Amino acid sequence: MEEDSPSPVQTVVSHTSYCAHDGESTTLISVQDETNALINQNKSLADCYQYLLTSFEALEKHLKVVQECHIKDTEDLQDQITTVTTQLQ
């Protein structure tokens, strides 16, 4: 085998690498901690989304009830106006 030929073995990056954005080294433990924090944050966001969804559904039901009452009240008022107009003639 020639000594100048490249090695068939590929090197693997170690578990510690340099993070350019914060100047600190990153370890598997810090990555796991950050991952766990992101998972908890996502769970919290999912809970907030579910709460908002439930709130908006309740508001939608309430607005439909209010709309139906308004339509009925408007129809009743029109009937009363018609009745009063008929009585005045």
Protein backbone atom coordinates (compact mmCIF):
# COMPACT_ATOMS: atom_id res chain seq x y z
CA MET A 1 0.00 0.00 0.00
CA GLU A 2 1.27 3.46 -0.83
CA GLU A 3 1.92 5.87 1.99
CA ASP A 4 0.64 8.88 0.01
CA SER A 5 -2.84 7.44 -0.64
CA PRO A 6 -5.73 8.83 1.41
CA SER A 7 -6.98 6.76 4.31
CA PRO A 8 -10.25 4.88 3.69
CA VAL A 9 -11.29 5.64 7.28
CA GLN A 10 -13.43 8.72 7.69
CA THR A 11 -13.07 10.85 10.76
CA VAL A 12 -16.09 11.65 12.86
CA VAL A 13 -16.67 14.92 14.67
CA SER A 14 -16.45 14.46 18.42
CA HIS A 15 -19.42 15.09 20.67
CA THR A 16 -18.04 18.51 21.59
CA SER A 17 -18.07 21.17 18.91
CA TYR A 18 -17.74 24.93 18.77
CA CYS A 19 -20.83 27.11 18.43
CA ALA A 20 -19.90 30.27 16.56
CA HIS A 21 -23.01 32.22 17.56
CA ASP A 22 -22.45 32.27 21.31
CA GLY A 23 -18.74 31.53 21.73
CA GLU A 24 -19.36 28.58 24.06
CA SER A 25 -18.64 24.96 23.37
CA THR A 26 -21.66 22.71 22.91
CA THR A 27 -21.93 19.31 24.55
CA LEU A 28 -24.50 16.57 24.26
CA ILE A 29 -25.84 17.52 27.69
CA SER A 30 -26.33 21.17 26.74
CA VAL A 31 -27.97 20.15 23.47
CA GLN A 32 -30.27 17.78 25.38
CA ASP A 33 -31.12 20.54 27.88
CA GLU A 34 -31.89 22.95 25.06
CA THR A 35 -33.98 20.28 23.32
CA ASN A 36 -35.94 19.61 26.50
CA ALA A 37 -36.54 23.34 26.95
CA LEU A 38 -37.81 23.59 23.37
CA ILE A 39 -40.08 20.59 23.89
CA ASN A 40 -41.53 22.19 27.03
CA GLN A 41 -41.98 25.47 25.18
CA ASN A 42 -43.77 23.67 22.33
CA LYS A 43 -46.04 21.90 24.82
CA SER A 44 -46.83 25.24 26.42
CA LEU A 45 -47.62 26.77 23.03
CA ALA A 46 -49.82 23.79 22.18
CA ASP A 47 -51.70 24.27 25.46
CA CYS A 48 -52.16 27.99 24.68
CA TYR A 49 -53.37 27.14 21.18
CA GLN A 50 -55.87 24.64 22.57
CA TYR A 51 -57.10 27.19 25.12
CA LEU A 52 -57.54 29.83 22.39
CA LEU A 53 -59.29 27.34 20.13
CA THR A 54 -61.72 26.40 22.90
CA SER A 55 -62.32 30.08 23.72
CA PHE A 56 -62.99 31.02 20.09
CA GLU A 57 -65.38 28.09 19.66
CA ALA A 58 -67.30 29.21 22.75
CA LEU A 59 -67.37 32.81 21.47
CA GLU A 60 -68.60 31.61 18.08
CA LYS A 61 -71.47 29.69 19.71
CA HIS A 62 -72.36 32.72 21.84
CA LEU A 63 -72.34 35.06 18.83
CA LYS A 64 -74.62 32.68 16.92
CA VAL A 65 -77.09 32.76 19.82
CA VAL A 66 -76.88 36.57 19.98
CA GLN A 67 -77.39 36.79 16.20
CA GLU A 68 -80.44 34.52 16.34
CA CYS A 69 -81.91 36.61 19.17
CA HIS A 70 -81.24 39.81 17.23
CA ILE A 71 -82.94 38.41 14.12
CA LYS A 72 -85.97 37.31 16.17
CA ASP A 73 -86.14 40.66 17.97
CA THR A 74 -85.96 42.49 14.62
CA GLU A 75 -88.77 40.36 13.20
CA ASP A 76 -90.87 40.96 16.34
CA LEU A 77 -90.24 44.71 16.07
CA GLN A 78 -91.27 44.71 12.42
CA ASP A 79 -94.47 42.85 13.37
CA GLN A 80 -95.18 45.42 16.10
CA ILE A 81 -94.59 48.30 13.68
CA THR A 82 -96.95 46.69 11.19
CA THR A 83 -99.57 46.21 13.90
CA VAL A 84 -99.32 49.81 15.14
CA THR A 85 -99.39 51.14 11.56
CA THR A 86 -102.52 49.08 10.84
CA GLN A 87 -104.22 50.32 14.00
CA LEU A 88 -103.45 53.94 13.19
CA GLN A 89 -104.99 53.76 9.75
